[in-house]
Amino acid sequence: MGLVLTLGSLLAHGSLAHAEKRPRSPNRAKPPEAAASADTPASAAPAPQISAQASAQTSTAPVATTSRASTSTSAPAAATATPAATAAPRFSAGLDTAIHAGSPGGDSAFFISPLFHVDFRLSERLSVVGAWGLAHATVNTNDGRATQVRPGNPYAALVYTRRSGEWRYFAGLGGTAPVAILPGDVNARLEVQTAFTYAAAMRGNWNYWLWDHDAFSIVSPFGIERRKANGFIWGLEGGIGVMVPIRSVNERLDVSVQTAADLAYQALPWLRAGGRMSLVVMPRFTGQKTQLAAEPYVRVHNDRWFGNLSVLMNIDRPHGFGFDRGGIWSLRLGGGLNF
């Protein structure tokens, strides 16, 4: 019996050794993963169907892989996640400040008007925008110094935005609340009205409904723009506002129609320089019914912040020419954050 067991053990060891030395057959079937990676180029692989939730997870938490099979399928996923990475921020907040110093009526004066603005994105195409500003005027006269600081009309609108490649289209509907109110005192009323007039004039009467006293407004903004990583970019925007009086001190119902063209050059991913020309028409306004303004500017920006520096010049009456005696110009400083 011991001899039989010894012979069996030797035969088994010999068969295993023979199997290890035997060359692998070239016709032996490959594993499915190896066959896919060796015979099918990565560029020819069909793009995987990825849900929106999976795409968002891929863009926010990418996973590094080393296998060839994983590499061939992760490239389309990264391409799918690129638009999500460059999408508009969920929330944006900024401050635009207009400054002017001059001598209206022969008296030295200083005017400053900060304007706060926000943009909250509800969905891919819907967002809520808002703005609220202050009007400040300090006038030095022979009788002393008069200073007025008053809030403008808060503004809010629901905006629909559609994007197609480099193009963006938007239209909205909103309005203002009647917070800009003139006081009852006659002397103070003139000073406050001057502050509101200059707050609007330092912006070429753009968005005049923010500063129209004793009135609420119904506003419809709209526009189109082309955005590029570099090279020339341009945009057109406008708006229509109906300003309804709430007190006898402002008895007229005004309509403001505004339009602006913007042309700039994106010199670097973070640097843009250009100019803006705006025209505001108020057909029912007492006095001059149009205002034309030009504004060269420089803008620096990235995904998290932005900043602007510009000089606005009113070109025609009632507030132009900006650098003539009695004309109104403004230095504008702005900036904000994206979240």
Protein backbone atom coordinates (compact mmCIF):
# COMPACT_ATOMS: atom_id res chain seq x y z
CA MET A 1 0.00 0.00 0.00
CA GLY A 2 2.86 2.42 0.79
CA LEU A 3 4.36 1.77 -2.65
CA VAL A 4 1.06 2.61 -4.36
CA LEU A 5 0.73 5.90 -2.51
CA THR A 6 4.30 6.90 -3.37
CA LEU A 7 3.77 6.22 -7.11
CA GLY A 8 0.49 8.19 -7.09
CA SER A 9 2.16 11.19 -5.54
CA LEU A 10 4.97 11.20 -8.10
CA LEU A 11 2.51 10.95 -11.03
CA ALA A 12 0.41 13.85 -9.72
CA HIS A 13 3.48 16.08 -9.29
CA GLY A 14 4.65 15.29 -12.80
CA SER A 15 1.29 16.18 -14.34
CA LEU A 16 1.26 19.59 -12.55
CA ALA A 17 4.79 20.38 -13.68
CA HIS A 18 3.84 19.48 -17.24
CA ALA A 19 0.84 21.77 -17.07
CA GLU A 20 2.99 24.71 -15.90
CA LYS A 21 5.51 24.28 -18.72
CA ARG A 22 2.84 23.83 -21.42
CA PRO A 23 2.52 27.06 -23.51
CA ARG A 24 -0.86 28.86 -23.44
CA SER A 25 -2.90 28.32 -26.56
CA PRO A 26 -3.13 31.49 -28.73
CA ASN A 27 -6.83 30.77 -29.40
CA ARG A 28 -7.72 30.78 -25.74
CA ALA A 29 -10.64 33.17 -25.01
CA LYS A 30 -9.76 36.47 -23.33
CA PRO A 31 -11.62 37.88 -20.35
CA PRO A 32 -14.39 40.31 -21.41
CA GLU A 33 -12.64 43.34 -19.86
CA ALA A 34 -9.32 42.61 -21.53
CA ALA A 35 -10.99 42.02 -24.89
CA ALA A 36 -12.79 45.36 -24.71
CA SER A 37 -9.68 47.31 -23.78
CA ALA A 38 -7.36 45.62 -26.26
CA ASP A 39 -9.59 45.42 -29.36
CA THR A 40 -11.73 48.57 -29.04
CA PRO A 41 -10.06 52.02 -29.04
CA ALA A 42 -11.19 54.44 -26.32
CA SER A 43 -12.36 57.02 -28.85
CA ALA A 44 -14.67 54.50 -30.52
CA ALA A 45 -16.34 53.39 -27.30
CA PRO A 46 -20.01 54.48 -27.12
CA ALA A 47 -20.71 57.25 -24.64
CA PRO A 48 -22.33 55.91 -21.48
CA GLN A 49 -25.84 57.04 -20.57
CA ILE A 50 -25.36 59.02 -17.36
CA SER A 51 -28.21 60.46 -15.35
CA ALA A 52 -28.16 64.10 -14.32
CA GLN A 53 -27.57 63.13 -10.69
CA ALA A 54 -24.66 60.88 -11.61
CA SER A 55 -23.17 63.58 -13.81
CA ALA A 56 -23.32 66.08 -10.96
CA GLN A 57 -21.66 63.61 -8.61
CA THR A 58 -18.93 62.98 -11.18
CA SER A 59 -18.20 66.67 -11.54
CA THR A 60 -17.99 67.29 -7.81
CA ALA A 61 -16.21 64.11 -6.68
CA PRO A 62 -14.05 62.59 -9.47
CA VAL A 63 -12.51 59.16 -8.74
CA ALA A 64 -9.01 58.36 -9.99
CA THR A 65 -8.70 54.95 -11.71
CA THR A 66 -5.77 53.02 -13.14
CA SER A 67 -7.37 50.24 -15.17
CA ARG A 68 -7.65 50.65 -18.95
CA ALA A 69 -11.32 49.79 -18.89
CA SER A 70 -12.07 52.53 -16.34
CA THR A 71 -10.03 55.09 -18.31
CA SER A 72 -11.93 54.41 -21.53
CA THR A 73 -15.28 55.13 -19.86
CA SER A 74 -14.24 58.02 -17.60
CA ALA A 75 -13.32 60.35 -20.49
CA PRO A 76 -16.92 60.69 -21.79
CA ALA A 77 -18.08 61.15 -18.21
CA ALA A 78 -15.65 64.03 -17.73
CA ALA A 79 -16.84 65.63 -20.97
CA THR A 80 -20.40 65.31 -19.76
CA ALA A 81 -19.49 66.97 -16.48
CA THR A 82 -17.76 69.97 -18.09
CA PRO A 83 -20.92 72.09 -18.56
CA ALA A 84 -21.82 71.55 -14.92
CA ALA A 85 -18.40 72.76 -13.85
CA THR A 86 -18.78 75.96 -15.90
CA ALA A 87 -22.43 76.60 -15.05
CA ALA A 88 -23.60 79.89 -13.63
CA PRO A 89 -23.15 80.33 -9.88
CA ARG A 90 -26.10 79.58 -7.62
CA PHE A 91 -25.89 82.96 -5.87
CA SER A 92 -24.18 86.23 -6.77
CA ALA A 93 -24.03 89.45 -4.74
CA GLY A 94 -22.37 92.73 -5.64
CA LEU A 95 -22.11 96.46 -5.06
CA ASP A 96 -21.95 99.20 -7.69
CA THR A 97 -21.03 102.70 -6.49
CA ALA A 98 -21.36 105.86 -8.61
CA ILE A 99 -19.48 109.02 -7.54
CA HIS A 100 -19.68 112.59 -8.85
CA ALA A 101 -18.29 115.92 -7.71
CA GLY A 102 -19.32 119.17 -9.35
CA SER A 103 -20.82 122.62 -8.99
CA PRO A 104 -24.54 122.53 -9.78
CA GLY A 105 -25.94 126.06 -9.73
CA GLY A 106 -22.54 127.43 -8.72
CA ASP A 107 -22.45 125.52 -5.41
CA SER A 108 -19.88 122.81 -4.77
CA ALA A 109 -21.47 119.42 -4.29
CA PHE A 110 -20.60 115.77 -3.81
CA PHE A 111 -22.86 112.88 -4.77
CA ILE A 112 -22.46 109.16 -4.12
CA SER A 113 -24.90 106.35 -4.80
CA PRO A 114 -24.20 102.73 -3.82
CA LEU A 115 -26.42 100.09 -5.42
CA PHE A 116 -26.63 96.56 -4.00
CA HIS A 117 -27.64 93.79 -6.38
CA VAL A 118 -28.21 90.03 -6.00
CA ASP A 119 -28.94 87.12 -8.31
CA PHE A 120 -30.26 83.81 -6.96
CA ARG A 121 -30.62 80.91 -9.41
CA LEU A 122 -33.72 78.81 -8.71
CA SER A 123 -33.09 76.33 -11.53
CA GLU A 124 -31.11 76.00 -14.74
CA ARG A 125 -33.32 78.61 -16.44
CA LEU A 126 -35.08 80.57 -13.70
CA SER A 127 -33.52 83.08 -11.32
CA VAL A 128 -34.58 85.87 -9.00
CA VAL A 129 -32.71 89.17 -9.29
CA GLY A 130 -32.92 92.17 -7.01
CA ALA A 131 -31.42 95.61 -6.45
CA TRP A 132 -31.67 98.37 -3.87
CA GLY A 133 -29.70 101.59 -3.71
CA LEU A 134 -29.07 104.74 -1.72
CA ALA A 135 -28.92 108.35 -2.91
CA HIS A 136 -26.53 110.69 -1.09
CA ALA A 137 -26.09 114.40 -1.80
CA THR A 138 -23.95 116.97 0.00
CA VAL A 139 -24.27 120.56 -1.25
CA ASN A 140 -22.26 123.49 0.14
CA THR A 141 -24.08 126.82 -0.08
CA ASN A 142 -23.66 130.28 1.43
CA ASP A 143 -26.13 129.21 4.12
CA GLY A 144 -24.12 126.14 5.09
CA ARG A 145 -23.94 122.49 4.15
CA ALA A 146 -27.00 120.40 3.33
CA THR A 147 -26.75 116.61 3.31
CA GLN A 148 -29.43 114.12 2.33
CA VAL A 149 -29.24 110.32 2.33
CA ARG A 150 -32.35 108.50 1.15
CA PRO A 151 -33.15 104.95 0.02
CA GLY A 152 -34.26 104.27 -3.52
CA ASN A 153 -36.98 101.86 -4.61
CA PRO A 154 -36.18 98.16 -4.00
CA TYR A 155 -36.47 96.09 -7.17
CA ALA A 156 -37.07 92.37 -7.72
CA ALA A 157 -37.78 90.33 -10.85
CA LEU A 158 -38.12 86.74 -12.02
CA VAL A 159 -35.84 86.15 -15.02
CA TYR A 160 -35.96 83.30 -17.54
CA THR A 161 -32.55 82.51 -19.11
CA ARG A 162 -31.73 80.18 -21.98
CA ARG A 163 -28.20 79.24 -23.03
CA SER A 164 -27.05 77.82 -26.34
CA GLY A 165 -23.30 77.40 -26.68
CA GLU A 166 -21.71 80.85 -26.34
CA TRP A 167 -25.10 82.59 -26.45
CA ARG A 168 -27.35 83.61 -23.58
CA TYR A 169 -30.89 84.98 -23.88
CA PHE A 170 -32.97 86.33 -21.00
CA ALA A 171 -36.31 88.00 -20.32
CA GLY A 172 -38.08 88.76 -17.07
CA LEU A 173 -40.89 90.46 -15.22
CA GLY A 174 -40.71 92.35 -11.94
CA GLY A 175 -41.27 95.64 -10.23
CA THR A 176 -40.33 98.12 -7.53
CA ALA A 177 -41.85 99.13 -4.21
CA PRO A 178 -42.51 102.85 -3.51
CA VAL A 179 -39.84 103.54 -0.89
CA ALA A 180 -38.30 106.67 -2.44
CA ILE A 181 -40.62 109.27 -0.91
CA LEU A 182 -40.20 113.05 -0.89
CA PRO A 183 -40.59 114.74 2.54
CA GLY A 184 -43.31 117.25 3.29
CA ASP A 185 -40.96 120.17 3.97
CA VAL A 186 -40.45 122.22 0.80
CA ASN A 187 -36.72 122.91 1.31
CA ALA A 188 -35.93 119.30 2.25
CA ARG A 189 -38.04 118.10 -0.68
CA LEU A 190 -35.83 119.95 -3.16
CA GLU A 191 -32.66 118.52 -1.60
CA VAL A 192 -33.99 114.95 -1.63
CA GLN A 193 -35.22 115.27 -5.20
CA THR A 194 -31.74 116.48 -6.21
CA ALA A 195 -30.20 113.41 -4.59
CA PHE A 196 -32.55 111.10 -6.54
CA THR A 197 -31.95 113.00 -9.78
CA TYR A 198 -28.17 112.64 -9.49
CA ALA A 199 -28.37 108.97 -8.47
CA ALA A 200 -30.17 108.31 -11.77
CA ALA A 201 -28.06 110.73 -13.83
CA MET A 202 -24.76 109.16 -12.67
CA ARG A 203 -26.00 105.99 -14.40
CA GLY A 204 -27.29 107.68 -17.55
CA ASN A 205 -30.89 107.37 -16.24
CA TRP A 206 -30.53 103.58 -16.62
CA ASN A 207 -33.10 101.76 -14.48
CA TYR A 208 -34.71 105.09 -13.72
CA TRP A 209 -37.49 103.34 -11.78
CA LEU A 210 -35.02 102.71 -8.95
CA TRP A 211 -35.02 106.45 -8.21
CA ASP A 212 -38.46 107.68 -9.34
CA HIS A 213 -39.99 109.15 -6.19
CA ASP A 214 -43.51 108.49 -4.93
CA ALA A 215 -44.21 105.74 -7.49
CA PHE A 216 -44.14 101.99 -7.92
CA SER A 217 -43.11 100.39 -11.20
CA ILE A 218 -43.78 97.32 -13.32
CA VAL A 219 -40.61 96.34 -15.18
CA SER A 220 -39.72 93.88 -17.94
CA PRO A 221 -35.95 93.38 -18.63
CA PHE A 222 -34.62 91.47 -21.66
CA GLY A 223 -31.33 90.89 -23.48
CA ILE A 224 -28.95 88.73 -25.47
CA GLU A 225 -25.20 88.28 -25.10
CA ARG A 226 -22.33 86.23 -26.45
CA ARG A 227 -19.71 85.02 -24.01
CA LYS A 228 -16.32 83.66 -25.06
CA ALA A 229 -13.21 82.50 -23.25
CA ASN A 230 -11.21 85.05 -25.25
CA GLY A 231 -11.63 87.43 -28.18
CA PHE A 232 -14.44 89.91 -28.86
CA ILE A 233 -17.71 89.56 -26.96
CA TRP A 234 -20.84 91.63 -27.23
CA GLY A 235 -24.33 91.98 -25.83
CA LEU A 236 -27.60 93.87 -26.19
CA GLU A 237 -29.99 94.49 -23.32
CA GLY A 238 -32.99 96.62 -22.55
CA GLY A 239 -36.05 97.06 -20.44
CA ILE A 240 -39.49 98.65 -20.27
CA GLY A 241 -40.82 100.18 -17.08
CA VAL A 242 -44.21 101.68 -16.27
CA MET A 243 -43.99 104.01 -13.25
CA VAL A 244 -47.33 104.51 -11.48
CA PRO A 245 -47.67 107.47 -9.04
CA ILE A 246 -48.98 106.89 -5.52
CA ARG A 247 -49.28 110.52 -4.34
CA SER A 248 -50.33 113.83 -5.85
CA VAL A 249 -46.74 115.08 -5.55
CA ASN A 250 -45.99 112.81 -8.52
CA GLU A 251 -49.14 112.89 -10.62
CA ARG A 252 -47.85 111.68 -13.96
CA LEU A 253 -47.68 108.06 -15.13
CA ASP A 254 -44.28 107.69 -16.79
CA VAL A 255 -42.92 105.08 -19.16
CA SER A 256 -39.20 104.40 -19.50
CA VAL A 257 -37.78 102.44 -22.45
CA GLN A 258 -34.06 101.67 -22.30
CA THR A 259 -31.57 99.85 -24.49
CA ALA A 260 -27.79 99.39 -24.36
CA ALA A 261 -25.04 97.83 -26.50
CA ASP A 262 -21.87 96.38 -24.97
CA LEU A 263 -18.70 95.55 -26.92
CA ALA A 264 -15.58 94.27 -25.17
CA TYR A 265 -12.40 92.28 -25.70
CA GLN A 266 -11.58 89.36 -23.43
CA ALA A 267 -7.80 89.81 -23.40
CA LEU A 268 -7.14 87.22 -20.68
CA PRO A 269 -9.38 84.69 -18.91
CA TRP A 270 -9.59 87.15 -16.00
CA LEU A 271 -9.39 90.52 -17.81
CA ARG A 272 -11.94 92.26 -20.05
CA ALA A 273 -11.91 95.81 -21.46
CA GLY A 274 -14.67 97.44 -23.45
CA GLY A 275 -17.34 100.08 -23.75
CA ARG A 276 -21.07 100.45 -23.31
CA MET A 277 -23.51 102.83 -25.00
CA SER A 278 -26.99 103.31 -23.54
CA LEU A 279 -30.12 105.18 -24.59
CA VAL A 280 -33.07 105.86 -22.30
CA VAL A 281 -36.33 107.25 -23.68
CA MET A 282 -39.11 108.57 -21.43
CA PRO A 283 -41.79 109.91 -23.82
CA ARG A 284 -44.04 111.28 -21.06
CA PHE A 285 -41.24 112.84 -19.03
CA THR A 286 -41.37 116.58 -18.37
CA GLY A 287 -38.45 118.28 -20.12
CA GLN A 288 -35.83 116.34 -22.09
CA LYS A 289 -37.22 112.93 -23.03
CA THR A 290 -34.01 111.08 -23.97
CA GLN A 291 -30.62 110.44 -22.40
CA LEU A 292 -27.61 109.05 -24.25
CA ALA A 293 -24.53 107.91 -22.32
CA ALA A 294 -21.19 106.22 -23.00
CA GLU A 295 -19.18 104.19 -20.51
CA PRO A 296 -15.69 102.71 -21.11
CA TYR A 297 -14.80 100.08 -18.51
CA VAL A 298 -12.33 97.47 -17.31
CA ARG A 299 -13.47 94.24 -15.65
CA VAL A 300 -11.47 91.61 -13.76
CA HIS A 301 -13.12 88.36 -12.75
CA ASN A 302 -12.87 84.66 -12.07
CA ASP A 303 -15.29 81.98 -10.88
CA ARG A 304 -15.46 83.39 -7.33
CA TRP A 305 -15.28 87.19 -7.61
CA PHE A 306 -15.49 90.12 -10.02
CA GLY A 307 -14.59 93.80 -10.08
CA ASN A 308 -15.38 96.75 -12.38
CA LEU A 309 -13.96 100.22 -12.96
CA SER A 310 -15.63 102.62 -15.39
CA VAL A 311 -16.32 106.25 -16.21
CA LEU A 312 -19.82 107.20 -17.37
CA MET A 313 -20.30 110.29 -19.54
CA ASN A 314 -23.73 111.66 -20.35
CA ILE A 315 -23.59 112.83 -23.96
CA ASP A 316 -26.76 114.81 -24.64
CA ARG A 317 -29.23 116.77 -22.57
CA PRO A 318 -30.52 116.90 -19.89
CA HIS A 319 -27.31 115.73 -18.15
CA GLY A 320 -24.67 116.14 -20.87
CA PHE A 321 -22.16 116.70 -22.01
CA GLY A 322 -20.74 115.09 -18.91
CA PHE A 323 -17.57 117.20 -18.53
CA ASP A 324 -19.11 120.52 -19.51
CA ARG A 325 -20.17 123.01 -16.88
CA GLY A 326 -23.40 121.74 -15.40
CA GLY A 327 -22.97 118.30 -17.01
CA ILE A 328 -22.98 115.07 -15.04
CA TRP A 329 -20.39 112.32 -15.24
CA SER A 330 -19.51 109.61 -12.73
CA LEU A 331 -16.73 107.35 -11.62
CA ARG A 332 -18.15 103.89 -11.03
CA LEU A 333 -16.56 101.23 -8.85
CA GLY A 334 -18.08 97.79 -8.48
CA GLY A 335 -17.38 94.28 -7.36
CA GLY A 336 -18.92 91.17 -5.88
CA LEU A 337 -18.76 87.48 -5.08
CA ASN A 338 -20.15 84.31 -6.65
CA PHE A 339 -21.23 81.35 -4.54
